[in-house]
Amino acid sequence: MSLHSLIPYQPANKLQIRVCRMWITKTIEDDPQPQSLDCVFVDKQGDAVHATVNARDIQFFLDLLTVGDAYEITKFRVVHNRTSSKVVPHPAALELNRRTTFVPIHKTNQEIPKQWFNLIDLDQLHKRINNDVELTDVFGHLTAVQPIEDVTVQSSRIAKKRNLNLQDIRGETIRITLWGEAATTFEDSGIKSLPPPIFLAVTSLKVKEYRGNPVLGSTGSTVCIFNPEIPQLTQYKQKFKDLKSPVQTLRTSAEMYADRAVSPNFESKTIDELLLLDPALHKNVSFECKATVIGFDLSRGWWYKSCPFCHKAVKKTSGAFQCNEHGSLNRLPEPW
């Protein structure tokens, strides 16, 4: 039976599949707890399905299954796939339990693809902005990696974060932000041991917009796979065959702010002096002010909705966003 023919809550015979990838989904809190073990299965037709295991059976299946191996499976349950944040765009999903049988197969092993991804070209990412029905997979040449840093999210929670830069075969670059465990488990040591160029597939991402451009962020289902065995890899290796430069290290947020030079032509003022200035009389005028940060007001988060033209705060009235200088906006405000 093929994965393509699976129908929710209809009887299904044995399947021959390969385990493409596997991850533990955890709760989003200060002390994340395992919710489920999740897998992507692919068959020889190249179709894929999302399979999930209840939290109580996680260790049982971690001991039973190996990523990359092929199995014949029976006694599983076919259910509806989730309605949003789909890892695989299949109407059905599989539920596995301790009654599910897995028999390793070797005869048809080579017929089943090694990997499966829901890839999208970087120049098409704008079509996925804020559309989370399906999660997005991307593949490209890894050009830069940022060290892990701590950031405050939702005004109070501290999270681990790191950025990556991926470049496609046309030279377009996209920034990916890895959060939490996706950031901490990213293989820094693996990058140093691999000869350049390094190619990377990053799965199950959400596409958002920042300053008019698409940006990618990880989810609890995100997996990073170096040099995956997919048809695009050969094409990319040919394109970047002469590239010998190592992966660059991106500066952290703290380093970027620390390195910002202040022009010697700026007039120096204290905070008290700045507070006495009339903003209307000093438009586009810059001053130097040396001060010590003694605390953060996180009551409204780290950013605000700003006018895309002047970046002043906007207000929402009667279903539209209003800027004091530019009136009613015909574009969405930008985080600033």
C-alpha atoms as a PDB file:
ATOM      1  CA  MET A   1       0.000   0.000   0.000  1.00  0.00           C
ATOM      2  CA  SER A   2       1.314   3.486  -0.844  1.00  0.00           C
ATOM      3  CA  LEU A   3       1.326   6.455   1.518  1.00  0.00           C
ATOM      4  CA  HIS A   4      -0.556   8.463  -1.091  1.00  0.00           C
ATOM      5  CA  SER A   5      -3.583   6.156  -0.772  1.00  0.00           C
ATOM      6  CA  LEU A   6      -3.950   6.564   3.008  1.00  0.00           C
ATOM      7  CA  ILE A   7      -7.381   7.872   4.043  1.00  0.00           C
ATOM      8  CA  PRO A   8      -8.192   8.970   7.613  1.00  0.00           C
ATOM      9  CA  TYR A   9     -10.067   6.334   9.637  1.00  0.00           C
ATOM     10  CA  GLN A  10     -10.046   3.845   6.753  1.00  0.00           C
ATOM     11  CA  PRO A  11      -8.374   0.407   7.051  1.00  0.00           C
ATOM     12  CA  ALA A  12      -4.769   0.323   5.847  1.00  0.00           C
ATOM     13  CA  ASN A  13      -2.527  -2.610   4.995  1.00  0.00           C
ATOM     14  CA  LYS A  14       1.193  -2.875   5.589  1.00  0.00           C
ATOM     15  CA  LEU A  15       3.443  -0.044   4.476  1.00  0.00           C
ATOM     16  CA  GLN A  16       7.053  -0.084   3.347  1.00  0.00           C
ATOM     17  CA  ILE A  17       8.703   3.144   4.431  1.00  0.00           C
ATOM     18  CA  ARG A  18      11.946   4.812   5.431  1.00  0.00           C
ATOM     19  CA  VAL A  19      12.303   6.950   8.549  1.00  0.00           C
ATOM     20  CA  CYS A  20      13.561  10.253   7.112  1.00  0.00           C
ATOM     21  CA  ARG A  21      13.750  12.190  10.333  1.00  0.00           C
ATOM     22  CA  MET A  22      12.631  12.003  13.937  1.00  0.00           C
ATOM     23  CA  TRP A  23      12.279  14.548  16.740  1.00  0.00           C
ATOM     24  CA  ILE A  24      10.722  14.995  20.174  1.00  0.00           C
ATOM     25  CA  THR A  25       8.054  17.693  20.379  1.00  0.00           C
ATOM     26  CA  LYS A  26       8.088  19.534  23.714  1.00  0.00           C
ATOM     27  CA  THR A  27       5.845  21.988  25.528  1.00  0.00           C
ATOM     28  CA  ILE A  28       6.635  25.710  25.372  1.00  0.00           C
ATOM     29  CA  GLU A  29       7.456  26.742  28.935  1.00  0.00           C
ATOM     30  CA  ASP A  30      10.399  27.403  31.230  1.00  0.00           C
ATOM     31  CA  ASP A  31      10.813  23.667  31.829  1.00  0.00           C
ATOM     32  CA  PRO A  32       9.760  22.044  28.512  1.00  0.00           C
ATOM     33  CA  GLN A  33       8.295  18.544  28.788  1.00  0.00           C
ATOM     34  CA  PRO A  34       8.068  15.907  26.009  1.00  0.00           C
ATOM     35  CA  GLN A  35       4.670  15.848  24.306  1.00  0.00           C
ATOM     36  CA  SER A  36       5.272  13.319  21.549  1.00  0.00           C
ATOM     37  CA  LEU A  37       7.829  11.597  19.354  1.00  0.00           C
ATOM     38  CA  ASP A  38       7.321  12.551  15.716  1.00  0.00           C
ATOM     39  CA  CYS A  39       8.632  11.101  12.465  1.00  0.00           C
ATOM     40  CA  VAL A  40       8.450  11.687   8.732  1.00  0.00           C
ATOM     41  CA  PHE A  41       8.072   8.490   6.687  1.00  0.00           C
ATOM     42  CA  VAL A  42       8.663   8.283   2.913  1.00  0.00           C
ATOM     43  CA  ASP A  43       7.856   5.416   0.516  1.00  0.00           C
ATOM     44  CA  LYS A  44       9.328   4.351  -2.833  1.00  0.00           C
ATOM     45  CA  GLN A  45       6.839   6.561  -4.710  1.00  0.00           C
ATOM     46  CA  GLY A  46       8.358   9.573  -2.958  1.00  0.00           C
ATOM     47  CA  ASP A  47       5.230  10.326  -0.925  1.00  0.00           C
ATOM     48  CA  ALA A  48       5.518  11.229   2.755  1.00  0.00           C
ATOM     49  CA  VAL A  49       3.396  11.127   5.900  1.00  0.00           C
ATOM     50  CA  HIS A  50       3.735  12.486   9.437  1.00  0.00           C
ATOM     51  CA  ALA A  51       3.702   9.815  12.160  1.00  0.00           C
ATOM     52  CA  THR A  52       3.382  10.498  15.873  1.00  0.00           C
ATOM     53  CA  VAL A  53       3.875   8.585  19.124  1.00  0.00           C
ATOM     54  CA  ASN A  54       2.344   9.336  22.534  1.00  0.00           C
ATOM     55  CA  ALA A  55       4.720  10.738  25.168  1.00  0.00           C
ATOM     56  CA  ARG A  56       4.568   7.585  27.306  1.00  0.00           C
ATOM     57  CA  ASP A  57       5.994   5.483  24.437  1.00  0.00           C
ATOM     58  CA  ILE A  58       8.822   7.806  23.389  1.00  0.00           C
ATOM     59  CA  GLN A  59      11.708   5.765  24.791  1.00  0.00           C
ATOM     60  CA  PHE A  60      10.235   2.520  23.415  1.00  0.00           C
ATOM     61  CA  PHE A  61      10.283   3.917  19.871  1.00  0.00           C
ATOM     62  CA  LEU A  62      13.657   5.633  20.263  1.00  0.00           C
ATOM     63  CA  ASP A  63      15.084   2.185  21.006  1.00  0.00           C
ATOM     64  CA  LEU A  64      13.109   0.584  18.163  1.00  0.00           C
ATOM     65  CA  LEU A  65      13.605   2.960  15.216  1.00  0.00           C
ATOM     66  CA  THR A  66      16.702   4.336  13.504  1.00  0.00           C
ATOM     67  CA  VAL A  67      16.620   7.386  11.253  1.00  0.00           C
ATOM     68  CA  GLY A  68      17.588   6.337   7.727  1.00  0.00           C
ATOM     69  CA  ASP A  69      16.460   2.713   8.069  1.00  0.00           C
ATOM     70  CA  ALA A  70      13.584   1.159   6.102  1.00  0.00           C
ATOM     71  CA  TYR A  71      10.776  -0.882   7.659  1.00  0.00           C
ATOM     72  CA  GLU A  72       7.594  -2.731   6.831  1.00  0.00           C
ATOM     73  CA  ILE A  73       4.958  -1.566   9.303  1.00  0.00           C
ATOM     74  CA  THR A  74       1.504  -2.794  10.294  1.00  0.00           C
ATOM     75  CA  LYS A  75      -1.066  -2.182  13.062  1.00  0.00           C
ATOM     76  CA  PHE A  76      -1.043   1.591  12.961  1.00  0.00           C
ATOM     77  CA  ARG A  77      -3.937   4.049  13.048  1.00  0.00           C
ATOM     78  CA  VAL A  78      -4.708   6.477  10.209  1.00  0.00           C
ATOM     79  CA  VAL A  79      -6.133   9.799  11.427  1.00  0.00           C
ATOM     80  CA  HIS A  80      -6.629  13.316  10.085  1.00  0.00           C
ATOM     81  CA  ASN A  81      -3.507  15.412   9.757  1.00  0.00           C
ATOM     82  CA  ARG A  82      -3.441  18.609  11.816  1.00  0.00           C
ATOM     83  CA  THR A  83      -5.202  21.612  10.286  1.00  0.00           C
ATOM     84  CA  SER A  84      -2.282  24.025  10.707  1.00  0.00           C
ATOM     85  CA  SER A  85       1.508  23.851  11.019  1.00  0.00           C
ATOM     86  CA  LYS A  86       1.554  20.697   8.908  1.00  0.00           C
ATOM     87  CA  VAL A  87       4.975  19.097   8.675  1.00  0.00           C
ATOM     88  CA  VAL A  88       3.786  17.070   5.655  1.00  0.00           C
ATOM     89  CA  PRO A  89       1.000  18.274   3.303  1.00  0.00           C
ATOM     90  CA  HIS A  90      -0.914  14.973   3.455  1.00  0.00           C
ATOM     91  CA  PRO A  91      -4.585  14.820   4.520  1.00  0.00           C
ATOM     92  CA  ALA A  92      -3.775  11.860   6.771  1.00  0.00           C
ATOM     93  CA  ALA A  93      -1.304  11.162   9.571  1.00  0.00           C
ATOM     94  CA  LEU A  94      -0.280   7.998  11.401  1.00  0.00           C
ATOM     95  CA  GLU A  95      -0.618   7.233  15.099  1.00  0.00           C
ATOM     96  CA  LEU A  96       1.825   4.594  16.353  1.00  0.00           C
ATOM     97  CA  ASN A  97       1.708   2.585  19.582  1.00  0.00           C
ATOM     98  CA  ARG A  98       3.363  -0.474  21.116  1.00  0.00           C
ATOM     99  CA  ARG A  99       1.153  -2.769  19.036  1.00  0.00           C
ATOM    100  CA  THR A 100       2.545  -1.309  15.802  1.00  0.00           C
ATOM    101  CA  THR A 101       4.990  -3.755  14.216  1.00  0.00           C
ATOM    102  CA  PHE A 102       8.207  -2.694  12.486  1.00  0.00           C
ATOM    103  CA  VAL A 103      10.128  -5.267  10.433  1.00  0.00           C
ATOM    104  CA  PRO A 104      13.444  -4.053   8.926  1.00  0.00           C
ATOM    105  CA  ILE A 105      13.576  -4.483   5.144  1.00  0.00           C
ATOM    106  CA  HIS A 106      16.605  -4.703   2.897  1.00  0.00           C
ATOM    107  CA  LYS A 107      15.433  -6.062  -0.460  1.00  0.00           C
ATOM    108  CA  THR A 108      13.666  -2.869  -1.540  1.00  0.00           C
ATOM    109  CA  ASN A 109      15.722  -0.604   0.693  1.00  0.00           C
ATOM    110  CA  GLN A 110      17.482   1.140  -2.200  1.00  0.00           C
ATOM    111  CA  GLU A 111      14.190   1.945  -3.942  1.00  0.00           C
ATOM    112  CA  ILE A 112      13.023   4.214  -1.126  1.00  0.00           C
ATOM    113  CA  PRO A 113      14.391   7.800  -1.109  1.00  0.00           C
ATOM    114  CA  LYS A 114      16.805   8.686   1.674  1.00  0.00           C
ATOM    115  CA  GLN A 115      15.143  12.028   2.389  1.00  0.00           C
ATOM    116  CA  TRP A 116      11.914  13.946   1.877  1.00  0.00           C
ATOM    117  CA  PHE A 117      11.413  17.695   2.234  1.00  0.00           C
ATOM    118  CA  ASN A 118       8.599  20.153   1.552  1.00  0.00           C
ATOM    119  CA  LEU A 119      11.046  22.530  -0.152  1.00  0.00           C
ATOM    120  CA  ILE A 120      10.226  25.970  -1.498  1.00  0.00           C
ATOM    121  CA  ASP A 121      12.480  28.287  -3.520  1.00  0.00           C
ATOM    122  CA  LEU A 122      13.676  31.330  -1.599  1.00  0.00           C
ATOM    123  CA  ASP A 123      12.155  33.712  -4.152  1.00  0.00           C
ATOM    124  CA  GLN A 124       8.726  32.187  -3.439  1.00  0.00           C
ATOM    125  CA  LEU A 125       8.827  32.636   0.340  1.00  0.00           C
ATOM    126  CA  HIS A 126       6.716  35.804   0.183  1.00  0.00           C
ATOM    127  CA  LYS A 127       3.749  33.592  -0.739  1.00  0.00           C
ATOM    128  CA  ARG A 128       4.046  31.823   2.627  1.00  0.00           C
ATOM    129  CA  ILE A 129       4.217  34.918   4.866  1.00  0.00           C
ATOM    130  CA  ASN A 130       1.915  34.394   7.876  1.00  0.00           C
ATOM    131  CA  ASN A 131       0.439  31.312   6.185  1.00  0.00           C
ATOM    132  CA  ASP A 132       1.060  28.530   8.670  1.00  0.00           C
ATOM    133  CA  VAL A 133      -1.204  25.854   7.199  1.00  0.00           C
ATOM    134  CA  GLU A 134       1.962  24.130   5.975  1.00  0.00           C
ATOM    135  CA  LEU A 135       5.384  24.568   7.525  1.00  0.00           C
ATOM    136  CA  THR A 136       8.228  25.379   5.156  1.00  0.00           C
ATOM    137  CA  ASP A 137      11.466  23.519   4.402  1.00  0.00           C
ATOM    138  CA  VAL A 138      14.420  25.257   2.744  1.00  0.00           C
ATOM    139  CA  PHE A 139      17.746  24.073   1.347  1.00  0.00           C
ATOM    140  CA  GLY A 140      20.859  25.996   0.465  1.00  0.00           C
ATOM    141  CA  HIS A 141      24.513  26.809   0.956  1.00  0.00           C
ATOM    142  CA  LEU A 142      25.302  27.660   4.593  1.00  0.00           C
ATOM    143  CA  THR A 143      27.230  30.939   4.563  1.00  0.00           C
ATOM    144  CA  ALA A 144      27.085  32.209   8.152  1.00  0.00           C
ATOM    145  CA  VAL A 145      26.205  31.107  11.692  1.00  0.00           C
ATOM    146  CA  GLN A 146      25.679  33.197  14.810  1.00  0.00           C
ATOM    147  CA  PRO A 147      26.755  32.024  18.277  1.00  0.00           C
ATOM    148  CA  ILE A 148      23.920  31.264  20.692  1.00  0.00           C
ATOM    149  CA  GLU A 149      22.574  34.252  22.622  1.00  0.00           C
ATOM    150  CA  ASP A 150      19.884  34.750  25.261  1.00  0.00           C
ATOM    151  CA  VAL A 151      16.938  36.966  24.358  1.00  0.00           C
ATOM    152  CA  THR A 152      13.771  37.938  26.189  1.00  0.00           C
ATOM    153  CA  VAL A 153      10.502  36.913  24.521  1.00  0.00           C
ATOM    154  CA  GLN A 154       6.915  37.600  25.502  1.00  0.00           C
ATOM    155  CA  SER A 155       8.201  40.260  27.921  1.00  0.00           C
ATOM    156  CA  SER A 156       9.473  37.787  30.497  1.00  0.00           C
ATOM    157  CA  ARG A 157      10.725  34.434  29.183  1.00  0.00           C
ATOM    158  CA  ILE A 158      14.426  34.002  28.364  1.00  0.00           C
ATOM    159  CA  ALA A 159      15.069  31.920  25.232  1.00  0.00           C
ATOM    160  CA  LYS A 160      18.141  30.665  23.398  1.00  0.00           C
ATOM    161  CA  LYS A 161      18.494  32.002  19.857  1.00  0.00           C
ATOM    162  CA  ARG A 162      20.878  31.907  16.924  1.00  0.00           C
ATOM    163  CA  ASN A 163      20.721  33.054  13.304  1.00  0.00           C
ATOM    164  CA  LEU A 164      21.846  31.257  10.155  1.00  0.00           C
ATOM    165  CA  ASN A 165      22.291  32.559   6.618  1.00  0.00           C
ATOM    166  CA  LEU A 166      21.427  30.274   3.689  1.00  0.00           C
ATOM    167  CA  GLN A 167      22.181  31.108   0.062  1.00  0.00           C
ATOM    168  CA  ASP A 168      20.407  29.534  -2.895  1.00  0.00           C
ATOM    169  CA  ILE A 169      21.843  28.677  -6.298  1.00  0.00           C
ATOM    170  CA  ARG A 170      20.817  32.101  -7.678  1.00  0.00           C
ATOM    171  CA  GLY A 171      22.749  33.934  -4.963  1.00  0.00           C
ATOM    172  CA  GLU A 172      19.712  34.972  -2.909  1.00  0.00           C
ATOM    173  CA  THR A 173      20.234  34.850   0.871  1.00  0.00           C
ATOM    174  CA  ILE A 174      17.685  34.239   3.622  1.00  0.00           C
ATOM    175  CA  ARG A 175      18.112  34.533   7.385  1.00  0.00           C
ATOM    176  CA  ILE A 176      16.799  31.736   9.590  1.00  0.00           C
ATOM    177  CA  THR A 177      16.335  32.163  13.341  1.00  0.00           C
ATOM    178  CA  LEU A 178      16.622  29.001  15.417  1.00  0.00           C
ATOM    179  CA  TRP A 179      14.985  29.089  18.839  1.00  0.00           C
ATOM    180  CA  GLY A 180      15.394  26.976  21.963  1.00  0.00           C
ATOM    181  CA  GLU A 181      16.514  23.415  21.402  1.00  0.00           C
ATOM    182  CA  ALA A 182      16.848  23.940  17.650  1.00  0.00           C
ATOM    183  CA  ALA A 183      19.499  26.566  18.439  1.00  0.00           C
ATOM    184  CA  THR A 184      21.328  24.638  21.165  1.00  0.00           C
ATOM    185  CA  THR A 185      21.487  21.346  19.237  1.00  0.00           C
ATOM    186  CA  PHE A 186      22.767  22.907  16.016  1.00  0.00           C
ATOM    187  CA  GLU A 187      26.110  21.238  15.327  1.00  0.00           C
ATOM    188  CA  ASP A 188      28.831  23.862  15.649  1.00  0.00           C
ATOM    189  CA  SER A 189      31.481  21.167  15.870  1.00  0.00           C
ATOM    190  CA  GLY A 190      30.048  19.438  12.816  1.00  0.00           C
ATOM    191  CA  ILE A 191      30.427  22.611  10.776  1.00  0.00           C
ATOM    192  CA  LYS A 192      34.096  22.885  11.706  1.00  0.00           C
ATOM    193  CA  SER A 193      34.745  19.268  10.706  1.00  0.00           C
ATOM    194  CA  LEU A 194      33.017  19.509   7.308  1.00  0.00           C
ATOM    195  CA  PRO A 195      34.992  20.901   4.355  1.00  0.00           C
ATOM    196  CA  PRO A 196      33.395  23.889   2.593  1.00  0.00           C
ATOM    197  CA  PRO A 197      31.048  24.384   0.930  1.00  0.00           C
ATOM    198  CA  ILE A 198      28.451  23.102   3.431  1.00  0.00           C
ATOM    199  CA  PHE A 199      24.861  22.539   2.355  1.00  0.00           C
ATOM    200  CA  LEU A 200      21.950  22.468   4.757  1.00  0.00           C
ATOM    201  CA  ALA A 201      18.255  21.598   4.794  1.00  0.00           C
ATOM    202  CA  VAL A 202      16.202  23.218   7.568  1.00  0.00           C
ATOM    203  CA  THR A 203      12.699  21.873   8.084  1.00  0.00           C
ATOM    204  CA  SER A 204       9.349  22.940   9.522  1.00  0.00           C
ATOM    205  CA  LEU A 205       9.863  26.707   9.541  1.00  0.00           C
ATOM    206  CA  LYS A 206       7.335  29.528   9.838  1.00  0.00           C
ATOM    207  CA  VAL A 207       7.567  32.443   7.410  1.00  0.00           C
ATOM    208  CA  LYS A 208       7.058  35.934   8.817  1.00  0.00           C
ATOM    209  CA  GLU A 209       7.748  39.439   7.509  1.00  0.00           C
ATOM    210  CA  TYR A 210      10.272  41.881   8.920  1.00  0.00           C
ATOM    211  CA  ARG A 211      10.924  45.270   7.321  1.00  0.00           C
ATOM    212  CA  GLY A 212       9.184  44.142   4.162  1.00  0.00           C
ATOM    213  CA  ASN A 213      11.170  40.937   3.699  1.00  0.00           C
ATOM    214  CA  PRO A 214      10.381  37.303   4.529  1.00  0.00           C
ATOM    215  CA  VAL A 215      12.211  35.840   7.523  1.00  0.00           C
ATOM    216  CA  LEU A 216      12.177  32.262   8.761  1.00  0.00           C
ATOM    217  CA  GLY A 217      11.814  30.991  12.313  1.00  0.00           C
ATOM    218  CA  SER A 218      12.092  27.510  13.748  1.00  0.00           C
ATOM    219  CA  THR A 219       9.274  25.537  15.378  1.00  0.00           C
ATOM    220  CA  GLY A 220       9.219  22.558  17.715  1.00  0.00           C
ATOM    221  CA  SER A 221       9.403  20.326  14.626  1.00  0.00           C
ATOM    222  CA  THR A 222      12.499  21.911  13.072  1.00  0.00           C
ATOM    223  CA  VAL A 223      15.389  19.613  12.147  1.00  0.00           C
ATOM    224  CA  CYS A 224      18.692  20.653  10.496  1.00  0.00           C
ATOM    225  CA  ILE A 225      20.288  18.146   8.107  1.00  0.00           C
ATOM    226  CA  PHE A 226      23.758  18.685   6.636  1.00  0.00           C
ATOM    227  CA  ASN A 227      24.444  17.668   3.015  1.00  0.00           C
ATOM    228  CA  PRO A 228      21.150  15.742   2.616  1.00  0.00           C
ATOM    229  CA  GLU A 229      20.894  13.135  -0.127  1.00  0.00           C
ATOM    230  CA  ILE A 230      18.480  14.939  -2.438  1.00  0.00           C
ATOM    231  CA  PRO A 231      18.668  15.694  -6.197  1.00  0.00           C
ATOM    232  CA  GLN A 232      19.399  19.392  -5.563  1.00  0.00           C
ATOM    233  CA  LEU A 233      22.629  18.549  -3.743  1.00  0.00           C
ATOM    234  CA  THR A 234      24.456  17.575  -6.960  1.00  0.00           C
ATOM    235  CA  GLN A 235      23.437  20.833  -8.633  1.00  0.00           C
ATOM    236  CA  TYR A 236      24.573  22.895  -5.646  1.00  0.00           C
ATOM    237  CA  LYS A 237      27.903  21.074  -5.387  1.00  0.00           C
ATOM    238  CA  GLN A 238      28.594  21.888  -9.031  1.00  0.00           C
ATOM    239  CA  LYS A 239      27.633  25.545  -8.563  1.00  0.00           C
ATOM    240  CA  PHE A 240      29.793  26.065  -5.466  1.00  0.00           C
ATOM    241  CA  LYS A 241      32.616  23.617  -6.279  1.00  0.00           C
ATOM    242  CA  ASP A 242      35.305  26.325  -6.281  1.00  0.00           C
ATOM    243  CA  LEU A 243      34.200  27.849  -2.978  1.00  0.00           C
ATOM    244  CA  LYS A 244      36.789  27.211  -0.253  1.00  0.00           C
ATOM    245  CA  SER A 245      35.968  29.920   2.284  1.00  0.00           C
ATOM    246  CA  PRO A 246      34.716  28.676   5.682  1.00  0.00           C
ATOM    247  CA  VAL A 247      31.339  29.480   7.182  1.00  0.00           C
ATOM    248  CA  GLN A 248      31.379  33.021   8.573  1.00  0.00           C
ATOM    249  CA  THR A 249      30.539  33.841  12.183  1.00  0.00           C
ATOM    250  CA  LEU A 250      27.739  36.369  12.593  1.00  0.00           C
ATOM    251  CA  ARG A 251      28.038  38.887  15.391  1.00  0.00           C
ATOM    252  CA  THR A 252      25.648  38.641  18.308  1.00  0.00           C
ATOM    253  CA  SER A 253      23.182  41.436  19.008  1.00  0.00           C
ATOM    254  CA  ALA A 254      25.344  42.678  21.889  1.00  0.00           C
ATOM    255  CA  GLU A 255      28.435  42.850  19.669  1.00  0.00           C
ATOM    256  CA  MET A 256      26.598  44.741  16.940  1.00  0.00           C
ATOM    257  CA  TYR A 257      25.384  47.401  19.357  1.00  0.00           C
ATOM    258  CA  ALA A 258      28.770  47.662  21.082  1.00  0.00           C
ATOM    259  CA  ASP A 259      30.539  48.255  17.766  1.00  0.00           C
ATOM    260  CA  ARG A 260      28.311  51.097  16.626  1.00  0.00           C
ATOM    261  CA  ALA A 261      30.595  54.099  16.320  1.00  0.00           C
ATOM    262  CA  VAL A 262      29.343  57.538  17.268  1.00  0.00           C
ATOM    263  CA  SER A 263      30.319  60.367  14.917  1.00  0.00           C
ATOM    264  CA  PRO A 264      32.748  62.850  16.505  1.00  0.00           C
ATOM    265  CA  ASN A 265      30.632  65.651  14.988  1.00  0.00           C
ATOM    266  CA  PHE A 266      27.648  64.816  17.215  1.00  0.00           C
ATOM    267  CA  GLU A 267      27.080  67.261  20.052  1.00  0.00           C
ATOM    268  CA  SER A 268      27.331  65.606  23.452  1.00  0.00           C
ATOM    269  CA  LYS A 269      24.351  65.987  25.797  1.00  0.00           C
ATOM    270  CA  THR A 270      23.169  64.513  29.069  1.00  0.00           C
ATOM    271  CA  ILE A 271      19.786  62.828  29.483  1.00  0.00           C
ATOM    272  CA  ASP A 272      18.467  65.892  31.333  1.00  0.00           C
ATOM    273  CA  GLU A 273      19.530  68.107  28.426  1.00  0.00           C
ATOM    274  CA  LEU A 274      17.905  65.799  25.868  1.00  0.00           C
ATOM    275  CA  LEU A 275      14.617  65.870  27.751  1.00  0.00           C
ATOM    276  CA  LEU A 276      14.523  69.674  27.422  1.00  0.00           C
ATOM    277  CA  LEU A 277      14.755  69.559  23.599  1.00  0.00           C
ATOM    278  CA  ASP A 278      11.625  70.137  21.510  1.00  0.00           C
ATOM    279  CA  PRO A 279      11.425  67.164  19.045  1.00  0.00           C
ATOM    280  CA  ALA A 280       9.669  69.350  16.456  1.00  0.00           C
ATOM    281  CA  LEU A 281      12.635  71.765  16.411  1.00  0.00           C
ATOM    282  CA  HIS A 282      15.299  69.074  16.246  1.00  0.00           C
ATOM    283  CA  LYS A 283      14.083  66.732  13.514  1.00  0.00           C
ATOM    284  CA  ASN A 284      16.857  64.655  11.904  1.00  0.00           C
ATOM    285  CA  VAL A 285      19.396  66.012  14.399  1.00  0.00           C
ATOM    286  CA  SER A 286      21.626  63.510  16.219  1.00  0.00           C
ATOM    287  CA  PHE A 287      23.351  63.876  19.567  1.00  0.00           C
ATOM    288  CA  GLU A 288      25.802  61.800  21.533  1.00  0.00           C
ATOM    289  CA  CYS A 289      24.720  60.650  24.985  1.00  0.00           C
ATOM    290  CA  LYS A 290      26.786  58.304  27.133  1.00  0.00           C
ATOM    291  CA  ALA A 291      24.664  56.511  29.716  1.00  0.00           C
ATOM    292  CA  THR A 292      24.443  53.305  31.721  1.00  0.00           C
ATOM    293  CA  VAL A 293      21.538  50.899  31.290  1.00  0.00           C
ATOM    294  CA  ILE A 294      20.096  50.183  34.740  1.00  0.00           C
ATOM    295  CA  GLY A 295      16.982  48.227  33.747  1.00  0.00           C
ATOM    296  CA  PHE A 296      14.459  47.351  31.058  1.00  0.00           C
ATOM    297  CA  ASP A 297      10.768  48.189  30.815  1.00  0.00           C
ATOM    298  CA  LEU A 298       9.338  44.997  29.303  1.00  0.00           C
ATOM    299  CA  SER A 299       5.687  45.764  29.995  1.00  0.00           C
ATOM    300  CA  ARG A 300       5.070  46.211  26.263  1.00  0.00           C
ATOM    301  CA  GLY A 301       7.711  43.836  24.917  1.00  0.00           C
ATOM    302  CA  TRP A 302      10.885  44.616  22.992  1.00  0.00           C
ATOM    303  CA  TRP A 303       9.299  46.218  19.937  1.00  0.00           C
ATOM    304  CA  TYR A 304       6.293  48.242  18.838  1.00  0.00           C
ATOM    305  CA  LYS A 305       4.127  48.566  15.711  1.00  0.00           C
ATOM    306  CA  SER A 306       5.647  51.371  13.658  1.00  0.00           C
ATOM    307  CA  CYS A 307       4.826  53.346  10.531  1.00  0.00           C
ATOM    308  CA  PRO A 308       6.777  51.794   7.608  1.00  0.00           C
ATOM    309  CA  PHE A 309       7.707  55.312   6.414  1.00  0.00           C
ATOM    310  CA  CYS A 310       8.859  57.120   9.569  1.00  0.00           C
ATOM    311  CA  HIS A 311       8.896  54.295  12.172  1.00  0.00           C
ATOM    312  CA  LYS A 312       6.919  56.254  14.713  1.00  0.00           C
ATOM    313  CA  ALA A 313       4.387  54.312  16.775  1.00  0.00           C
ATOM    314  CA  VAL A 314       0.990  53.799  15.139  1.00  0.00           C
ATOM    315  CA  LYS A 315      -2.457  53.366  16.654  1.00  0.00           C
ATOM    316  CA  LYS A 316      -5.255  51.105  15.484  1.00  0.00           C
ATOM    317  CA  THR A 317      -8.561  52.931  15.003  1.00  0.00           C
ATOM    318  CA  SER A 318     -11.686  51.620  13.255  1.00  0.00           C
ATOM    319  CA  GLY A 319      -9.839  48.608  11.909  1.00  0.00           C
ATOM    320  CA  ALA A 320      -7.002  50.653  10.340  1.00  0.00           C
ATOM    321  CA  PHE A 321      -3.568  51.739  11.551  1.00  0.00           C
ATOM    322  CA  GLN A 322      -3.009  55.495  11.881  1.00  0.00           C
ATOM    323  CA  CYS A 323       0.279  57.411  11.898  1.00  0.00           C
ATOM    324  CA  ASN A 324       0.325  60.983  13.219  1.00  0.00           C
ATOM    325  CA  GLU A 325       2.441  62.097  10.242  1.00  0.00           C
ATOM    326  CA  HIS A 326       1.272  59.822   7.405  1.00  0.00           C
ATOM    327  CA  GLY A 327      -2.370  59.286   8.297  1.00  0.00           C
ATOM    328  CA  SER A 328      -4.143  56.011   7.528  1.00  0.00           C
ATOM    329  CA  LEU A 329      -1.658  53.364   6.386  1.00  0.00           C
ATOM    330  CA  ASN A 330      -2.230  51.274   3.284  1.00  0.00           C
ATOM    331  CA  ARG A 331       0.526  48.888   4.430  1.00  0.00           C
ATOM    332  CA  LEU A 332       0.870  46.808   7.556  1.00  0.00           C
ATOM    333  CA  PRO A 333       2.959  48.421  10.304  1.00  0.00           C
ATOM    334  CA  GLU A 334       6.471  47.114  10.865  1.00  0.00           C
ATOM    335  CA  PRO A 335       7.958  45.838  14.124  1.00  0.00           C
ATOM    336  CA  TRP A 336      10.557  48.349  15.326  1.00  0.00           C
END
